[in-house]
Amino acid sequence: MPVATWTPTVRLWVSNFHWSVVLVLGAVAIQALEVYAFELPKHRRLVRDAPEFAMRVAGLSHFVVALFFLLTGSRARGGAAWARLGALSLGGAGVCVAFAWLGGSANPLCLAGFYVIFMAHAFRDEGFFHREHLASTATSHSDSNRLWLQTIAVAVLATIVVPVYVYVAFAASDPAGNAWLAAFPIKAGEREMSMIRALLPGSWSATEIFAMFGLPFALVAAAAAIPVATTGPAWRAHMPLLKVLALSTALVVLGGLVGGVPLRLVILMHFVAWFRFTTARLQRAERLRPAGVTMSVTAWLRGTVHGFRVLHLGVAAVFLALIAVNHYLVSAPPLHSLAAHVPNSVALFFGAAAFFYWTIAHVALSVPLPARRRSA
């Protein structure tokens, strides 16, 4: 299909993919310098996994900027709004504690749940981008098909990912299991495998695990497809959204088969998408703003392209510098040492393992707040 015929929704997704690859290549360049120019051993390298490093730095910046927009927006004013934010914060903290107690990313079931929840968050935003594109082209978008398509996408993703991740962890711990599972990129710690086998006693087949962990999601997808099918051709206005949801789902599924690169890339794309989409919205708003308007610092950071870029890129630069300085000058073990070391506070809070918890907190706080009513 010619690029010129792509809809804005598809064009934005493809462009976000390209820019995400560029960011990963930037991390690859740092990694190449460490390996070939400085000849650092693996334990001394800042970038051990280029997609993960790019995703983490961009994600930390995204989380801070999102929190800034949340706390300085009109929907965070008033006692009721702060009470709701407190409840969401406690809920997110509870999920983080449960995630850690169950083994975190070492538990395939937790990992599958993490990806499904994050992609539900990302799919909701893809629907928002698509709705804005429809509004800009004066196309009707008042129907509920958009929400149903997002539900179908999340359910289909869960139908595939959850039972596969559970089966790999369950069967890999079985001495009589399939030998090919040893090469599967999904890994589980011994404690986590024991927990899953305790959850599923006996010798469960792949069919039984799918029926237990996949069929409920498949039924949700089928139920969500009914209202879409009964609206006739009206849902076709959302075909571009369906395409990008399918592409994102394919990346997540591919990541479960070949390793973490596609998974990290699709998460990075979410951060890139919000940066580029917000920049485009601010550019349109600036064209309508009268010249010479005096703005506060907060309004400049929130409401102008230059301010938003300074905020977002500046926070990313701060995190990059903080992580790099801490790694090279503060917490790194001696060059000749291969001994494991206890991470300091910077490595602990902004390392690869911490990214899961910051993401969970971000998703929890991103639950939309109700619009604040204007006083009469």
Protein backbone atom coordinates (compact mmCIF):
# COMPACT_ATOMS: atom_id res chain seq x y z
CA MET A 1 0.00 0.00 0.00
CA PRO A 2 1.53 3.40 -1.03
CA VAL A 3 2.60 5.63 1.83
CA ALA A 4 0.49 8.47 0.42
CA THR A 5 -2.67 6.45 1.03
CA TRP A 6 -1.95 5.80 4.70
CA THR A 7 -4.39 7.32 7.15
CA PRO A 8 -3.03 9.67 9.86
CA THR A 9 -3.48 6.94 12.51
CA VAL A 10 -1.37 4.42 10.58
CA ARG A 11 1.13 7.07 9.51
CA LEU A 12 1.66 8.12 13.13
CA TRP A 13 2.21 4.50 14.24
CA VAL A 14 4.76 3.83 11.50
CA SER A 15 6.55 7.10 12.21
CA ASN A 16 6.67 6.28 15.92
CA PHE A 17 8.17 2.90 15.03
CA HIS A 18 10.87 4.59 12.96
CA TRP A 19 11.76 7.11 15.70
CA SER A 20 11.83 4.35 18.31
CA VAL A 21 14.31 2.42 16.18
CA VAL A 22 16.42 5.60 15.95
CA LEU A 23 16.50 5.85 19.75
CA VAL A 24 17.50 2.20 20.04
CA LEU A 25 20.27 2.78 17.49
CA GLY A 26 21.50 5.65 19.65
CA ALA A 27 21.81 3.22 22.56
CA VAL A 28 23.51 0.73 20.23
CA ALA A 29 26.08 3.42 19.36
CA ILE A 30 26.89 3.90 23.07
CA GLN A 31 27.14 0.15 23.48
CA ALA A 32 29.50 -0.09 20.49
CA LEU A 33 31.79 2.55 21.99
CA GLU A 34 31.92 0.65 25.27
CA VAL A 35 32.66 -2.66 23.56
CA TYR A 36 35.01 -1.70 20.74
CA ALA A 37 36.51 1.69 21.61
CA PHE A 38 36.88 1.33 25.39
CA GLU A 39 36.89 -2.50 25.46
CA LEU A 40 34.91 -2.59 28.69
CA PRO A 41 33.92 -6.00 30.08
CA LYS A 42 30.20 -6.67 30.21
CA HIS A 43 29.83 -5.89 33.92
CA ARG A 44 31.33 -2.41 33.36
CA ARG A 45 29.11 -1.41 30.44
CA LEU A 46 26.39 1.18 30.88
CA VAL A 47 24.39 -0.26 27.98
CA ARG A 48 24.10 -4.03 28.16
CA ASP A 49 20.73 -4.20 26.39
CA ALA A 50 20.28 -1.30 23.95
CA PRO A 51 16.47 -1.54 23.51
CA GLU A 52 15.99 -1.79 27.28
CA PHE A 53 18.26 1.20 27.96
CA ALA A 54 16.52 3.41 25.38
CA MET A 55 13.11 2.33 26.68
CA ARG A 56 14.09 3.04 30.29
CA VAL A 57 15.51 6.53 29.75
CA ALA A 58 12.60 7.59 27.53
CA GLY A 59 10.13 6.00 29.93
CA LEU A 60 11.45 7.73 33.05
CA SER A 61 11.14 11.07 31.27
CA HIS A 62 7.63 10.19 30.10
CA PHE A 63 6.55 9.28 33.62
CA VAL A 64 7.84 12.54 35.13
CA VAL A 65 6.28 14.68 32.40
CA ALA A 66 2.95 12.84 32.69
CA LEU A 67 2.97 13.38 36.45
CA PHE A 68 3.77 17.08 35.94
CA PHE A 69 0.85 17.46 33.53
CA LEU A 70 -1.42 15.56 35.90
CA LEU A 71 -0.58 17.60 39.00
CA THR A 72 -0.69 20.97 37.24
CA GLY A 73 -3.88 20.31 35.29
CA SER A 74 -7.36 21.48 36.13
CA ARG A 75 -8.56 17.95 36.86
CA ALA A 76 -6.22 17.67 39.86
CA ARG A 77 -7.78 20.58 41.71
CA GLY A 78 -10.05 20.17 44.67
CA GLY A 79 -10.31 17.75 47.56
CA ALA A 80 -12.20 15.09 45.61
CA ALA A 81 -9.53 14.98 42.89
CA TRP A 82 -6.73 14.64 45.43
CA ALA A 83 -8.62 11.89 47.24
CA ARG A 84 -8.98 10.03 43.95
CA LEU A 85 -5.29 10.49 43.18
CA GLY A 86 -4.44 9.16 46.64
CA ALA A 87 -6.60 6.10 46.07
CA LEU A 88 -5.00 5.48 42.67
CA SER A 89 -1.54 5.85 44.21
CA LEU A 90 -2.35 3.33 46.93
CA GLY A 91 -3.77 0.95 44.35
CA GLY A 92 -0.65 1.24 42.22
CA ALA A 93 1.57 0.69 45.27
CA GLY A 94 -0.43 -2.42 46.15
CA VAL A 95 0.03 -3.85 42.67
CA CYS A 96 3.78 -3.13 42.90
CA VAL A 97 4.02 -4.98 46.22
CA ALA A 98 2.09 -7.95 44.82
CA PHE A 99 4.24 -7.93 41.66
CA ALA A 100 7.43 -8.04 43.76
CA TRP A 101 6.10 -10.69 46.16
CA LEU A 102 5.16 -12.98 43.28
CA GLY A 103 8.65 -12.72 41.78
CA GLY A 104 8.28 -9.72 39.49
CA SER A 105 9.66 -10.20 35.99
CA ALA A 106 11.06 -13.60 37.00
CA ASN A 107 7.48 -14.90 37.18
CA PRO A 108 6.12 -15.40 33.64
CA LEU A 109 2.56 -14.98 34.89
CA CYS A 110 3.46 -11.56 36.36
CA LEU A 111 5.32 -10.67 33.18
CA ALA A 112 2.34 -11.62 31.02
CA GLY A 113 0.04 -9.58 33.24
CA PHE A 114 2.42 -6.63 33.04
CA TYR A 115 2.42 -6.63 29.25
CA VAL A 116 -1.34 -7.07 28.98
CA ILE A 117 -2.03 -4.21 31.42
CA PHE A 118 0.51 -1.93 29.78
CA MET A 119 -0.83 -2.65 26.31
CA ALA A 120 -4.37 -1.95 27.53
CA HIS A 121 -3.00 1.44 28.62
CA ALA A 122 -1.25 1.91 25.26
CA PHE A 123 -4.28 0.77 23.23
CA ARG A 124 -6.47 3.27 25.08
CA ASP A 125 -4.08 6.01 24.00
CA GLU A 126 -3.98 4.74 20.42
CA GLY A 127 -7.76 5.05 20.47
CA PHE A 128 -7.40 8.62 21.72
CA PHE A 129 -4.95 9.49 18.93
CA HIS A 130 -7.32 7.94 16.39
CA ARG A 131 -10.29 9.87 17.79
CA GLU A 132 -8.35 13.13 17.44
CA HIS A 133 -7.50 12.29 13.85
CA LEU A 134 -11.15 11.60 13.07
CA ALA A 135 -12.15 14.89 14.65
CA SER A 136 -9.59 16.76 12.55
CA THR A 137 -11.07 15.26 9.37
CA ALA A 138 -14.69 15.94 10.42
CA THR A 139 -15.47 12.22 10.43
CA SER A 140 -18.11 10.89 12.80
CA HIS A 141 -16.55 9.26 15.84
CA SER A 142 -19.42 9.30 18.30
CA ASP A 143 -20.07 5.54 18.18
CA SER A 144 -18.70 3.09 20.72
CA ASN A 145 -17.01 0.80 18.19
CA ARG A 146 -13.64 2.36 18.96
CA LEU A 147 -13.84 1.21 22.58
CA TRP A 148 -15.03 -2.25 21.59
CA LEU A 149 -12.14 -2.65 19.16
CA GLN A 150 -9.70 -1.73 21.92
CA THR A 151 -11.33 -4.32 24.18
CA ILE A 152 -11.05 -6.97 21.48
CA ALA A 153 -7.36 -6.18 20.97
CA VAL A 154 -6.54 -6.44 24.68
CA ALA A 155 -8.51 -9.67 25.03
CA VAL A 156 -6.89 -11.26 21.97
CA LEU A 157 -3.45 -10.29 23.29
CA ALA A 158 -4.23 -11.83 26.69
CA THR A 159 -5.65 -14.96 25.01
CA ILE A 160 -2.27 -15.57 23.39
CA VAL A 161 0.26 -14.21 25.88
CA VAL A 162 -1.07 -15.38 29.25
CA PRO A 163 -1.48 -19.12 28.56
CA VAL A 164 1.79 -19.25 26.57
CA TYR A 165 3.80 -17.66 29.37
CA VAL A 166 2.16 -19.91 31.97
CA TYR A 167 2.72 -23.04 29.88
CA VAL A 168 6.41 -22.26 29.34
CA ALA A 169 7.01 -21.78 33.07
CA PHE A 170 4.92 -24.83 33.96
CA ALA A 171 6.38 -27.23 31.41
CA ALA A 172 9.98 -25.99 31.70
CA SER A 173 10.11 -27.18 35.30
CA ASP A 174 8.91 -30.65 34.32
CA PRO A 175 11.84 -33.05 33.71
CA ALA A 176 9.71 -34.86 31.16
CA GLY A 177 8.77 -31.64 29.40
CA ASN A 178 9.64 -30.62 25.85
CA ALA A 179 13.34 -30.00 25.19
CA TRP A 180 12.63 -26.98 22.97
CA LEU A 181 11.37 -25.03 25.96
CA ALA A 182 14.98 -24.56 27.11
CA ALA A 183 15.55 -22.28 24.13
CA PHE A 184 12.38 -20.28 24.69
CA PRO A 185 13.14 -16.62 25.57
CA ILE A 186 10.68 -16.61 28.48
CA LYS A 187 12.52 -17.65 31.63
CA ALA A 188 11.40 -18.24 35.20
CA GLY A 189 13.21 -18.55 38.50
CA GLU A 190 12.97 -21.77 40.48
CA ARG A 191 10.77 -20.14 43.14
CA GLU A 192 8.42 -18.77 40.49
CA MET A 193 8.21 -22.09 38.64
CA SER A 194 7.38 -23.80 41.92
CA MET A 195 4.61 -21.27 42.56
CA ILE A 196 3.07 -21.90 39.15
CA ARG A 197 3.30 -25.68 39.54
CA ALA A 198 1.65 -25.35 42.95
CA LEU A 199 -1.10 -23.36 41.24
CA LEU A 200 -1.48 -26.10 38.63
CA PRO A 201 -0.83 -29.43 40.35
CA GLY A 202 -0.37 -32.55 38.31
CA SER A 203 0.54 -32.82 34.64
CA TRP A 204 -1.41 -30.20 32.72
CA SER A 205 -1.41 -30.23 28.93
CA ALA A 206 -1.14 -27.15 26.75
CA THR A 207 -4.85 -27.49 25.93
CA GLU A 208 -5.84 -27.52 29.60
CA ILE A 209 -3.65 -24.49 30.38
CA PHE A 210 -5.17 -22.61 27.45
CA ALA A 211 -8.66 -23.48 28.64
CA MET A 212 -7.81 -22.22 32.12
CA PHE A 213 -5.87 -19.05 31.26
CA GLY A 214 -6.77 -18.24 27.66
CA LEU A 215 -10.40 -19.20 27.09
CA PRO A 216 -11.86 -16.55 29.46
CA PHE A 217 -10.08 -13.81 27.49
CA ALA A 218 -11.19 -15.36 24.19
CA LEU A 219 -14.80 -15.22 25.41
CA VAL A 220 -14.35 -11.53 26.27
CA ALA A 221 -13.03 -10.88 22.75
CA ALA A 222 -15.98 -12.72 21.22
CA ALA A 223 -18.47 -10.82 23.39
CA ALA A 224 -16.89 -7.49 22.43
CA ALA A 225 -17.09 -8.41 18.75
CA ILE A 226 -20.88 -8.77 18.89
CA PRO A 227 -21.75 -5.05 19.24
CA VAL A 228 -19.18 -4.23 16.54
CA ALA A 229 -20.73 -6.75 14.15
CA THR A 230 -24.25 -5.47 14.78
CA THR A 231 -23.42 -1.86 13.81
CA GLY A 232 -22.97 -2.73 10.17
CA PRO A 233 -20.40 -0.73 8.17
CA ALA A 234 -20.09 2.00 10.83
CA TRP A 235 -17.06 0.32 12.41
CA ARG A 236 -15.07 0.70 9.18
CA ALA A 237 -14.29 4.29 10.15
CA HIS A 238 -12.06 2.73 12.79
CA MET A 239 -10.20 0.40 10.41
CA PRO A 240 -6.96 2.44 10.82
CA LEU A 241 -7.18 1.92 14.58
CA LEU A 242 -7.73 -1.80 14.08
CA LYS A 243 -4.59 -1.96 11.95
CA VAL A 244 -2.32 -0.30 14.50
CA LEU A 245 -3.78 -2.39 17.34
CA ALA A 246 -3.07 -5.53 15.31
CA LEU A 247 0.49 -4.39 14.57
CA SER A 248 1.19 -3.66 18.24
CA THR A 249 -0.29 -7.01 19.29
CA ALA A 250 1.91 -8.76 16.73
CA LEU A 251 5.01 -7.09 18.19
CA VAL A 252 4.15 -8.25 21.72
CA VAL A 253 3.49 -11.80 20.56
CA LEU A 254 6.70 -11.78 18.51
CA GLY A 255 8.60 -10.68 21.60
CA GLY A 256 7.40 -13.75 23.45
CA LEU A 257 8.82 -15.92 20.66
CA VAL A 258 12.15 -14.28 19.79
CA GLY A 259 13.06 -12.28 22.89
CA GLY A 260 12.59 -8.88 24.46
CA VAL A 261 13.49 -6.56 21.56
CA PRO A 262 9.97 -6.30 20.03
CA LEU A 263 8.44 -6.01 23.51
CA ARG A 264 10.71 -3.14 24.49
CA LEU A 265 10.26 -1.51 21.11
CA VAL A 266 6.45 -1.44 21.40
CA ILE A 267 6.70 0.07 24.89
CA LEU A 268 9.19 2.68 23.65
CA MET A 269 6.79 3.50 20.82
CA HIS A 270 4.17 4.49 23.38
CA PHE A 271 6.53 7.09 24.87
CA VAL A 272 7.53 8.38 21.46
CA ALA A 273 3.88 8.56 20.38
CA TRP A 274 2.89 10.82 23.27
CA PHE A 275 5.86 13.11 22.72
CA ARG A 276 5.14 13.55 19.02
CA PHE A 277 1.36 13.73 19.38
CA THR A 278 1.56 16.34 22.15
CA THR A 279 4.06 18.36 20.12
CA ALA A 280 1.69 18.37 17.13
CA ARG A 281 -1.25 19.50 19.30
CA LEU A 282 0.81 22.33 20.80
CA GLN A 283 1.88 23.43 17.33
CA ARG A 284 -1.76 23.72 16.29
CA ALA A 285 -2.61 25.62 19.48
CA GLU A 286 0.26 28.05 19.01
CA ARG A 287 -0.99 29.01 15.57
CA LEU A 288 -4.26 30.15 17.16
CA ARG A 289 -2.69 31.94 20.15
CA PRO A 290 -2.43 35.72 19.96
CA ALA A 291 1.11 37.06 19.81
CA GLY A 292 2.67 38.62 22.89
CA VAL A 293 0.70 36.61 25.47
CA THR A 294 2.48 36.52 28.86
CA MET A 295 2.76 33.01 30.29
CA SER A 296 3.90 31.58 33.61
CA VAL A 297 6.71 29.03 33.64
CA THR A 298 4.22 26.23 34.20
CA ALA A 299 2.02 27.41 31.34
CA TRP A 300 5.08 27.73 29.07
CA LEU A 301 6.18 24.18 29.84
CA ARG A 302 2.67 22.82 29.35
CA GLY A 303 1.41 24.99 26.54
CA THR A 304 4.25 25.70 24.10
CA VAL A 305 6.26 23.49 21.80
CA HIS A 306 9.60 24.87 23.02
CA GLY A 307 8.59 24.57 26.66
CA PHE A 308 7.33 21.01 26.25
CA ARG A 309 10.50 19.96 24.45
CA VAL A 310 12.69 21.58 27.08
CA LEU A 311 10.75 19.77 29.81
CA HIS A 312 10.62 16.35 28.16
CA LEU A 313 14.11 16.25 26.64
CA GLY A 314 15.60 17.99 29.66
CA VAL A 315 14.22 15.38 32.05
CA ALA A 316 15.49 12.61 29.76
CA ALA A 317 18.95 14.23 29.70
CA VAL A 318 18.96 14.48 33.49
CA PHE A 319 18.11 10.80 33.88
CA LEU A 320 20.69 9.80 31.27
CA ALA A 321 23.40 11.84 33.01
CA LEU A 322 22.40 10.60 36.46
CA ILE A 323 22.44 6.94 35.41
CA ALA A 324 25.72 7.32 33.48
CA VAL A 325 27.58 9.22 36.22
CA ASN A 326 26.37 6.79 38.84
CA HIS A 327 27.41 3.81 36.73
CA TYR A 328 30.85 5.00 35.68
CA LEU A 329 31.97 7.08 38.67
CA VAL A 330 30.02 5.98 41.73
CA SER A 331 28.75 2.42 41.78
CA ALA A 332 30.95 0.60 39.26
CA PRO A 333 33.19 -2.13 40.73
CA PRO A 334 36.93 -2.11 39.91
CA LEU A 335 37.71 -2.84 36.29
CA HIS A 336 39.32 -6.19 37.13
CA SER A 337 36.52 -7.26 39.47
CA LEU A 338 33.88 -9.71 38.33
CA ALA A 339 32.19 -9.84 41.72
CA ALA A 340 28.55 -8.85 41.97
CA HIS A 341 27.95 -5.67 43.93
CA VAL A 342 25.00 -4.32 45.80
CA PRO A 343 23.38 -1.51 43.78
CA ASN A 344 23.28 1.92 45.35
CA SER A 345 20.13 4.02 45.54
CA VAL A 346 20.39 5.40 41.99
CA ALA A 347 20.91 1.96 40.47
CA LEU A 348 18.19 0.55 42.68
CA PHE A 349 15.55 3.15 41.81
CA PHE A 350 16.43 3.78 38.17
CA GLY A 351 17.84 0.44 37.06
CA ALA A 352 16.27 -2.05 34.68
CA ALA A 353 14.36 -3.91 37.40
CA ALA A 354 12.83 -0.69 38.77
CA PHE A 355 11.31 0.17 35.39
CA PHE A 356 8.48 -2.33 35.91
CA TYR A 357 7.41 -0.65 39.14
CA TRP A 358 7.56 2.91 37.76
CA THR A 359 5.46 1.71 34.82
CA ILE A 360 2.85 0.13 37.10
CA ALA A 361 2.62 3.36 39.11
CA HIS A 362 2.29 5.39 35.90
CA VAL A 363 -0.49 3.19 34.54
CA ALA A 364 -2.35 3.40 37.85
CA LEU A 365 -2.18 7.21 37.94
CA SER A 366 -3.20 7.45 34.29
CA VAL A 367 -6.75 6.34 35.06
CA PRO A 368 -8.71 9.36 33.79
CA LEU A 369 -9.93 11.84 36.38
CA PRO A 370 -13.41 13.28 35.87
CA ALA A 371 -13.56 16.74 34.38
CA ARG A 372 -13.76 19.47 37.01
CA ARG A 373 -17.10 21.24 36.98
CA ARG A 374 -17.05 24.95 36.49
CA SER A 375 -18.64 26.99 39.21
CA ALA A 376 -21.74 28.94 38.18
